[in-house]
Amino acid sequence: MNDRPAPSSSKAQAIVAEVRRRIVDREWRQGDRIPDEAALAIEFGVARATVNKALQMLADEGLLDRKRRAGTRVTVNPARKATLTIPIVREQIEGAGMIYHHRIVSQKTAPAPDEVAQRMDLPPGRMLIHLQTVHYGDAKPFQVEDRWINPVAAPGVELVDFQRINPNEWLVRNFPWLRADIEFRAENADARDARLLDTRQGTALLILQRTTWNDLGAITAVRLAFRPGYSLTASP
């Protein structure tokens, strides 16, 4: 018999299953405010952080609407949300039959610009790790990455040799995220993008901006500029 306590992730999944059941069975109806985290922690016999994690998972599914100081409510007319997996760019490139390598263009500790701090819900000027990286396939530029990393949510980042492992892969493998904000848009390549992607200034590029959070706060905010002609395919 195993008397060890269940890991917090298993407890969170159990709460997710029970809360989802209550919503599906209409014990909690659309628009209803559900009990607060402290009450649920007592009911399920877990830490409040475990309840927070479970509720955020349900919010990411679109079943709950969470607002600071307004509590958590069952979403009205919930929409199904796509499940996002953040790819490891090295695996993408190697999966396409190309030889991968990356180059760190710059790396420094710097205060977060206002726009980055706002995206990451951090105070302006917070000291973050700023990295600019180019990923290559068969020695040709594939993707340019401009990334800010929060050492509070990604402890140990200052000690990593990003010449050996690229920032994307290190973060994906070491810091699972609980929620993300993602934006796609088209932009014409500026002088920097054109130089790093070896293309003409003004060329149309696919741009992705993504910010991820864990239970310690914002992990990273990144801007990805893809090579001309890149296509994104998603499966349901």
C-alpha atoms as a PDB file:
ATOM      1  CA  MET A   1       0.000   0.000   0.000  1.00  0.00           C
ATOM      2  CA  ASN A   2       1.312   3.453  -0.912  1.00  0.00           C
ATOM      3  CA  ASP A   3       0.673   6.014   1.862  1.00  0.00           C
ATOM      4  CA  ARG A   4       2.526   8.858   0.180  1.00  0.00           C
ATOM      5  CA  PRO A   5       0.402  11.978  -0.433  1.00  0.00           C
ATOM      6  CA  ALA A   6      -0.707  12.602  -3.996  1.00  0.00           C
ATOM      7  CA  PRO A   7       1.356  15.191  -5.848  1.00  0.00           C
ATOM      8  CA  SER A   8      -0.201  18.634  -6.172  1.00  0.00           C
ATOM      9  CA  SER A   9      -0.636  18.141  -9.944  1.00  0.00           C
ATOM     10  CA  SER A  10      -2.810  15.045  -9.313  1.00  0.00           C
ATOM     11  CA  LYS A  11      -4.832  16.934  -6.715  1.00  0.00           C
ATOM     12  CA  ALA A  12      -5.315  19.824  -9.144  1.00  0.00           C
ATOM     13  CA  GLN A  13      -6.549  17.426 -11.832  1.00  0.00           C
ATOM     14  CA  ALA A  14      -9.026  15.922  -9.369  1.00  0.00           C
ATOM     15  CA  ILE A  15     -10.391  19.393  -8.579  1.00  0.00           C
ATOM     16  CA  VAL A  16     -10.609  20.165 -12.311  1.00  0.00           C
ATOM     17  CA  ALA A  17     -12.651  17.004 -12.863  1.00  0.00           C
ATOM     18  CA  GLU A  18     -15.049  17.755  -9.993  1.00  0.00           C
ATOM     19  CA  VAL A  19     -15.566  21.418 -10.894  1.00  0.00           C
ATOM     20  CA  ARG A  20     -16.130  20.472 -14.536  1.00  0.00           C
ATOM     21  CA  ARG A  21     -18.728  17.906 -13.408  1.00  0.00           C
ATOM     22  CA  ARG A  22     -20.565  20.514 -11.352  1.00  0.00           C
ATOM     23  CA  ILE A  23     -20.693  22.837 -14.352  1.00  0.00           C
ATOM     24  CA  VAL A  24     -21.800  20.105 -16.770  1.00  0.00           C
ATOM     25  CA  ASP A  25     -24.474  18.872 -14.300  1.00  0.00           C
ATOM     26  CA  ARG A  26     -25.595  22.505 -13.830  1.00  0.00           C
ATOM     27  CA  GLU A  27     -24.965  22.498 -10.101  1.00  0.00           C
ATOM     28  CA  TRP A  28     -23.072  25.671 -10.965  1.00  0.00           C
ATOM     29  CA  ARG A  29     -24.880  27.496 -13.774  1.00  0.00           C
ATOM     30  CA  GLN A  30     -23.600  29.965 -16.330  1.00  0.00           C
ATOM     31  CA  GLY A  31     -22.880  33.296 -14.675  1.00  0.00           C
ATOM     32  CA  ASP A  32     -22.841  31.831 -11.146  1.00  0.00           C
ATOM     33  CA  ARG A  33     -20.041  32.941  -8.875  1.00  0.00           C
ATOM     34  CA  ILE A  34     -18.318  29.877  -7.462  1.00  0.00           C
ATOM     35  CA  PRO A  35     -16.864  29.582  -3.920  1.00  0.00           C
ATOM     36  CA  ASP A  36     -13.600  31.425  -3.387  1.00  0.00           C
ATOM     37  CA  GLU A  37     -10.222  29.692  -3.361  1.00  0.00           C
ATOM     38  CA  ALA A  38     -10.002  29.571   0.433  1.00  0.00           C
ATOM     39  CA  ALA A  39     -13.366  27.814   0.722  1.00  0.00           C
ATOM     40  CA  LEU A  40     -12.504  25.328  -2.030  1.00  0.00           C
ATOM     41  CA  ALA A  41      -9.128  24.620  -0.434  1.00  0.00           C
ATOM     42  CA  ILE A  42     -10.924  23.638   2.781  1.00  0.00           C
ATOM     43  CA  GLU A  43     -13.518  21.564   0.908  1.00  0.00           C
ATOM     44  CA  PHE A  44     -10.923  19.598  -1.061  1.00  0.00           C
ATOM     45  CA  GLY A  45      -8.313  19.471   1.701  1.00  0.00           C
ATOM     46  CA  VAL A  46      -5.540  21.027  -0.382  1.00  0.00           C
ATOM     47  CA  ALA A  47      -3.354  24.122  -0.435  1.00  0.00           C
ATOM     48  CA  ARG A  48      -4.877  27.274  -1.878  1.00  0.00           C
ATOM     49  CA  ALA A  49      -2.165  27.279  -4.566  1.00  0.00           C
ATOM     50  CA  THR A  50      -3.450  23.901  -5.796  1.00  0.00           C
ATOM     51  CA  VAL A  51      -6.984  25.306  -6.101  1.00  0.00           C
ATOM     52  CA  ASN A  52      -5.624  28.323  -7.954  1.00  0.00           C
ATOM     53  CA  LYS A  53      -3.843  26.051 -10.417  1.00  0.00           C
ATOM     54  CA  ALA A  54      -6.988  23.972 -11.016  1.00  0.00           C
ATOM     55  CA  LEU A  55      -9.213  27.002 -11.553  1.00  0.00           C
ATOM     56  CA  GLN A  56      -6.725  28.536 -13.963  1.00  0.00           C
ATOM     57  CA  MET A  57      -6.718  25.306 -15.987  1.00  0.00           C
ATOM     58  CA  LEU A  58     -10.506  25.539 -16.250  1.00  0.00           C
ATOM     59  CA  ALA A  59     -10.277  29.216 -17.171  1.00  0.00           C
ATOM     60  CA  ASP A  60      -7.841  28.274 -19.934  1.00  0.00           C
ATOM     61  CA  GLU A  61     -10.444  25.776 -21.193  1.00  0.00           C
ATOM     62  CA  GLY A  62     -12.986  28.601 -21.301  1.00  0.00           C
ATOM     63  CA  LEU A  63     -15.262  27.207 -18.565  1.00  0.00           C
ATOM     64  CA  LEU A  64     -14.489  29.823 -15.911  1.00  0.00           C
ATOM     65  CA  ASP A  65     -14.098  33.583 -16.049  1.00  0.00           C
ATOM     66  CA  ARG A  66     -11.575  34.838 -13.461  1.00  0.00           C
ATOM     67  CA  LYS A  67     -11.246  38.515 -12.602  1.00  0.00           C
ATOM     68  CA  ARG A  68      -9.221  40.096  -9.846  1.00  0.00           C
ATOM     69  CA  ARG A  69     -11.363  41.360  -6.957  1.00  0.00           C
ATOM     70  CA  ALA A  70     -14.486  40.153  -8.764  1.00  0.00           C
ATOM     71  CA  GLY A  71     -14.154  36.452  -8.050  1.00  0.00           C
ATOM     72  CA  THR A  72     -14.559  33.488 -10.377  1.00  0.00           C
ATOM     73  CA  ARG A  73     -17.744  32.807 -12.318  1.00  0.00           C
ATOM     74  CA  VAL A  74     -18.934  30.095 -14.653  1.00  0.00           C
ATOM     75  CA  THR A  75     -18.502  31.453 -18.161  1.00  0.00           C
ATOM     76  CA  VAL A  76     -21.652  32.477 -20.018  1.00  0.00           C
ATOM     77  CA  ASN A  77     -21.843  30.695 -23.396  1.00  0.00           C
ATOM     78  CA  PRO A  78     -18.370  29.145 -23.036  1.00  0.00           C
ATOM     79  CA  ALA A  79     -16.425  28.743 -26.261  1.00  0.00           C
ATOM     80  CA  ARG A  80     -14.125  25.838 -26.851  1.00  0.00           C
ATOM     81  CA  LYS A  81     -10.516  26.959 -26.810  1.00  0.00           C
ATOM     82  CA  ALA A  82      -7.678  25.523 -28.825  1.00  0.00           C
ATOM     83  CA  THR A  83      -4.977  23.641 -26.971  1.00  0.00           C
ATOM     84  CA  LEU A  84      -1.595  25.223 -27.535  1.00  0.00           C
ATOM     85  CA  THR A  85       1.697  23.409 -27.450  1.00  0.00           C
ATOM     86  CA  ILE A  86       4.754  25.622 -27.642  1.00  0.00           C
ATOM     87  CA  PRO A  87       7.068  23.957 -30.164  1.00  0.00           C
ATOM     88  CA  ILE A  88      10.782  23.450 -29.716  1.00  0.00           C
ATOM     89  CA  VAL A  89      12.196  25.184 -32.765  1.00  0.00           C
ATOM     90  CA  ARG A  90      15.184  22.825 -32.990  1.00  0.00           C
ATOM     91  CA  GLU A  91      12.780  19.882 -33.322  1.00  0.00           C
ATOM     92  CA  GLN A  92      10.755  21.744 -35.960  1.00  0.00           C
ATOM     93  CA  ILE A  93      13.838  22.347 -38.069  1.00  0.00           C
ATOM     94  CA  GLU A  94      15.265  18.860 -37.643  1.00  0.00           C
ATOM     95  CA  GLY A  95      11.819  17.386 -38.333  1.00  0.00           C
ATOM     96  CA  ALA A  96      11.899  19.151 -41.690  1.00  0.00           C
ATOM     97  CA  GLY A  97      15.130  17.316 -42.501  1.00  0.00           C
ATOM     98  CA  MET A  98      17.440  20.283 -41.961  1.00  0.00           C
ATOM     99  CA  ILE A  99      20.534  20.675 -39.802  1.00  0.00           C
ATOM    100  CA  TYR A 100      19.878  22.976 -36.866  1.00  0.00           C
ATOM    101  CA  HIS A 101      22.033  25.530 -35.124  1.00  0.00           C
ATOM    102  CA  HIS A 102      21.428  28.825 -33.360  1.00  0.00           C
ATOM    103  CA  ARG A 103      23.324  32.038 -32.712  1.00  0.00           C
ATOM    104  CA  ILE A 104      22.958  34.363 -29.738  1.00  0.00           C
ATOM    105  CA  VAL A 105      23.099  37.857 -31.210  1.00  0.00           C
ATOM    106  CA  SER A 106      22.993  39.577 -27.827  1.00  0.00           C
ATOM    107  CA  GLN A 107      22.381  38.750 -24.160  1.00  0.00           C
ATOM    108  CA  LYS A 108      22.136  41.206 -21.282  1.00  0.00           C
ATOM    109  CA  THR A 109      20.317  42.059 -18.084  1.00  0.00           C
ATOM    110  CA  ALA A 110      18.250  45.175 -18.669  1.00  0.00           C
ATOM    111  CA  PRO A 111      15.198  47.042 -17.329  1.00  0.00           C
ATOM    112  CA  ALA A 112      11.981  46.006 -19.028  1.00  0.00           C
ATOM    113  CA  PRO A 113      10.634  48.626 -21.445  1.00  0.00           C
ATOM    114  CA  ASP A 114       7.122  49.861 -20.640  1.00  0.00           C
ATOM    115  CA  GLU A 115       5.538  47.818 -23.447  1.00  0.00           C
ATOM    116  CA  VAL A 116       7.221  44.586 -22.298  1.00  0.00           C
ATOM    117  CA  ALA A 117       6.445  45.234 -18.623  1.00  0.00           C
ATOM    118  CA  GLN A 118       2.787  45.789 -19.506  1.00  0.00           C
ATOM    119  CA  ARG A 119       2.617  42.532 -21.481  1.00  0.00           C
ATOM    120  CA  MET A 120       4.151  40.644 -18.540  1.00  0.00           C
ATOM    121  CA  ASP A 121       2.115  42.386 -15.794  1.00  0.00           C
ATOM    122  CA  LEU A 122       5.349  43.625 -14.217  1.00  0.00           C
ATOM    123  CA  PRO A 123       6.377  47.029 -12.886  1.00  0.00           C
ATOM    124  CA  PRO A 124       8.166  49.151 -15.516  1.00  0.00           C
ATOM    125  CA  GLY A 125      11.902  48.905 -15.175  1.00  0.00           C
ATOM    126  CA  ARG A 126      11.946  45.394 -13.664  1.00  0.00           C
ATOM    127  CA  MET A 127      15.337  43.828 -14.397  1.00  0.00           C
ATOM    128  CA  LEU A 128      14.968  40.984 -16.899  1.00  0.00           C
ATOM    129  CA  ILE A 129      17.197  38.863 -19.111  1.00  0.00           C
ATOM    130  CA  HIS A 130      17.043  40.101 -22.725  1.00  0.00           C
ATOM    131  CA  LEU A 131      18.147  37.712 -25.475  1.00  0.00           C
ATOM    132  CA  GLN A 132      18.163  38.032 -29.243  1.00  0.00           C
ATOM    133  CA  THR A 133      18.613  34.737 -31.077  1.00  0.00           C
ATOM    134  CA  VAL A 134      18.623  33.527 -34.668  1.00  0.00           C
ATOM    135  CA  HIS A 135      17.652  29.910 -35.408  1.00  0.00           C
ATOM    136  CA  TYR A 136      19.013  28.317 -38.585  1.00  0.00           C
ATOM    137  CA  GLY A 137      18.078  25.372 -40.782  1.00  0.00           C
ATOM    138  CA  ASP A 138      20.819  24.177 -43.151  1.00  0.00           C
ATOM    139  CA  ALA A 139      22.735  27.380 -42.341  1.00  0.00           C
ATOM    140  CA  LYS A 140      19.837  29.586 -43.531  1.00  0.00           C
ATOM    141  CA  PRO A 141      17.909  31.852 -41.124  1.00  0.00           C
ATOM    142  CA  PHE A 142      14.633  30.253 -40.053  1.00  0.00           C
ATOM    143  CA  GLN A 143      13.408  32.408 -37.170  1.00  0.00           C
ATOM    144  CA  VAL A 144      14.506  35.500 -35.242  1.00  0.00           C
ATOM    145  CA  GLU A 145      13.652  35.533 -31.540  1.00  0.00           C
ATOM    146  CA  ASP A 146      13.601  38.638 -29.322  1.00  0.00           C
ATOM    147  CA  ARG A 147      12.950  37.407 -25.788  1.00  0.00           C
ATOM    148  CA  TRP A 148      12.633  38.802 -22.267  1.00  0.00           C
ATOM    149  CA  ILE A 149      12.895  36.305 -19.374  1.00  0.00           C
ATOM    150  CA  ASN A 150      11.801  36.970 -15.789  1.00  0.00           C
ATOM    151  CA  PRO A 151      14.337  35.431 -13.336  1.00  0.00           C
ATOM    152  CA  VAL A 152      11.686  35.315 -10.610  1.00  0.00           C
ATOM    153  CA  ALA A 153       9.498  32.918 -12.630  1.00  0.00           C
ATOM    154  CA  ALA A 154      12.466  31.147 -14.287  1.00  0.00           C
ATOM    155  CA  PRO A 155      15.016  30.780 -11.467  1.00  0.00           C
ATOM    156  CA  GLY A 156      18.506  29.850 -12.583  1.00  0.00           C
ATOM    157  CA  VAL A 157      18.264  31.615 -15.931  1.00  0.00           C
ATOM    158  CA  GLU A 158      21.323  33.736 -15.136  1.00  0.00           C
ATOM    159  CA  LEU A 159      23.470  30.585 -14.958  1.00  0.00           C
ATOM    160  CA  VAL A 160      22.432  29.018 -18.275  1.00  0.00           C
ATOM    161  CA  ASP A 161      24.877  28.871 -21.194  1.00  0.00           C
ATOM    162  CA  PHE A 162      22.549  29.788 -24.049  1.00  0.00           C
ATOM    163  CA  GLN A 163      25.327  29.155 -26.535  1.00  0.00           C
ATOM    164  CA  ARG A 164      24.817  25.453 -25.763  1.00  0.00           C
ATOM    165  CA  ILE A 165      21.015  25.312 -25.482  1.00  0.00           C
ATOM    166  CA  ASN A 166      18.701  27.853 -27.061  1.00  0.00           C
ATOM    167  CA  PRO A 167      16.341  29.857 -24.796  1.00  0.00           C
ATOM    168  CA  ASN A 168      13.190  28.399 -26.373  1.00  0.00           C
ATOM    169  CA  GLU A 169      14.197  24.806 -25.642  1.00  0.00           C
ATOM    170  CA  TRP A 170      15.480  25.529 -22.133  1.00  0.00           C
ATOM    171  CA  LEU A 171      12.253  27.258 -21.105  1.00  0.00           C
ATOM    172  CA  VAL A 172       9.923  24.659 -22.642  1.00  0.00           C
ATOM    173  CA  ARG A 173      11.768  21.808 -20.938  1.00  0.00           C
ATOM    174  CA  ASN A 174      12.140  23.449 -17.531  1.00  0.00           C
ATOM    175  CA  PHE A 175       9.201  25.787 -16.928  1.00  0.00           C
ATOM    176  CA  PRO A 176       5.702  24.499 -17.779  1.00  0.00           C
ATOM    177  CA  TRP A 177       3.283  27.378 -18.233  1.00  0.00           C
ATOM    178  CA  LEU A 178      -0.250  27.769 -16.897  1.00  0.00           C
ATOM    179  CA  ARG A 179      -1.547  30.424 -19.285  1.00  0.00           C
ATOM    180  CA  ALA A 180      -0.432  32.344 -22.337  1.00  0.00           C
ATOM    181  CA  ASP A 181      -1.314  35.405 -24.379  1.00  0.00           C
ATOM    182  CA  ILE A 182      -0.636  35.029 -28.101  1.00  0.00           C
ATOM    183  CA  GLU A 183      -0.910  37.445 -30.981  1.00  0.00           C
ATOM    184  CA  PHE A 184      -0.230  36.847 -34.690  1.00  0.00           C
ATOM    185  CA  ARG A 185       0.197  39.643 -37.179  1.00  0.00           C
ATOM    186  CA  ALA A 186       1.867  40.489 -40.468  1.00  0.00           C
ATOM    187  CA  GLU A 187       4.654  43.069 -40.553  1.00  0.00           C
ATOM    188  CA  ASN A 188       7.045  44.332 -43.178  1.00  0.00           C
ATOM    189  CA  ALA A 189      10.620  43.496 -42.264  1.00  0.00           C
ATOM    190  CA  ASP A 190      12.495  46.404 -40.727  1.00  0.00           C
ATOM    191  CA  ALA A 191      16.236  46.810 -41.210  1.00  0.00           C
ATOM    192  CA  ARG A 192      17.098  44.523 -38.284  1.00  0.00           C
ATOM    193  CA  ASP A 193      14.690  41.715 -39.259  1.00  0.00           C
ATOM    194  CA  ALA A 194      15.868  41.927 -42.871  1.00  0.00           C
ATOM    195  CA  ARG A 195      19.511  41.660 -41.858  1.00  0.00           C
ATOM    196  CA  LEU A 196      19.027  38.730 -39.465  1.00  0.00           C
ATOM    197  CA  LEU A 197      16.657  36.815 -41.784  1.00  0.00           C
ATOM    198  CA  ASP A 198      18.796  37.570 -44.852  1.00  0.00           C
ATOM    199  CA  THR A 199      15.919  39.134 -46.760  1.00  0.00           C
ATOM    200  CA  ARG A 200      14.958  42.520 -48.161  1.00  0.00           C
ATOM    201  CA  GLN A 201      13.688  45.318 -45.965  1.00  0.00           C
ATOM    202  CA  GLY A 202       9.923  45.627 -46.448  1.00  0.00           C
ATOM    203  CA  THR A 203       9.393  41.892 -47.094  1.00  0.00           C
ATOM    204  CA  ALA A 204       6.153  40.611 -45.531  1.00  0.00           C
ATOM    205  CA  LEU A 205       6.810  38.495 -42.426  1.00  0.00           C
ATOM    206  CA  LEU A 206       4.661  36.476 -40.041  1.00  0.00           C
ATOM    207  CA  ILE A 207       5.172  37.807 -36.495  1.00  0.00           C
ATOM    208  CA  LEU A 208       4.148  36.000 -33.312  1.00  0.00           C
ATOM    209  CA  GLN A 209       4.141  37.643 -29.894  1.00  0.00           C
ATOM    210  CA  ARG A 210       3.676  35.302 -26.927  1.00  0.00           C
ATOM    211  CA  THR A 211       3.734  35.819 -23.169  1.00  0.00           C
ATOM    212  CA  THR A 212       3.548  32.901 -20.730  1.00  0.00           C
ATOM    213  CA  TRP A 213       2.931  32.671 -16.988  1.00  0.00           C
ATOM    214  CA  ASN A 214       3.398  30.095 -14.258  1.00  0.00           C
ATOM    215  CA  ASP A 215       2.463  30.270 -10.572  1.00  0.00           C
ATOM    216  CA  LEU A 216       5.462  32.547  -9.926  1.00  0.00           C
ATOM    217  CA  GLY A 217       4.400  35.162 -12.472  1.00  0.00           C
ATOM    218  CA  ALA A 218       5.272  35.984 -16.063  1.00  0.00           C
ATOM    219  CA  ILE A 219       7.955  33.630 -17.381  1.00  0.00           C
ATOM    220  CA  THR A 220       8.808  35.190 -20.708  1.00  0.00           C
ATOM    221  CA  ALA A 221       7.638  37.551 -23.427  1.00  0.00           C
ATOM    222  CA  VAL A 222       8.924  36.804 -26.908  1.00  0.00           C
ATOM    223  CA  ARG A 223       8.588  38.232 -30.389  1.00  0.00           C
ATOM    224  CA  LEU A 224       9.213  35.714 -33.175  1.00  0.00           C
ATOM    225  CA  ALA A 225       9.823  36.798 -36.768  1.00  0.00           C
ATOM    226  CA  PHE A 226       9.630  33.906 -39.230  1.00  0.00           C
ATOM    227  CA  ARG A 227      11.467  33.544 -42.517  1.00  0.00           C
ATOM    228  CA  PRO A 228       9.623  34.752 -45.644  1.00  0.00           C
ATOM    229  CA  GLY A 229       7.237  32.084 -46.902  1.00  0.00           C
ATOM    230  CA  TYR A 230       6.817  30.389 -43.534  1.00  0.00           C
ATOM    231  CA  SER A 231       3.394  28.752 -43.106  1.00  0.00           C
ATOM    232  CA  LEU A 232       1.705  27.810 -39.847  1.00  0.00           C
ATOM    233  CA  THR A 233      -0.445  24.682 -39.733  1.00  0.00           C
ATOM    234  CA  ALA A 234      -2.709  23.886 -36.770  1.00  0.00           C
ATOM    235  CA  SER A 235      -4.669  20.709 -36.069  1.00  0.00           C
ATOM    236  CA  PRO A 236      -7.960  20.655 -34.148  1.00  0.00           C
END
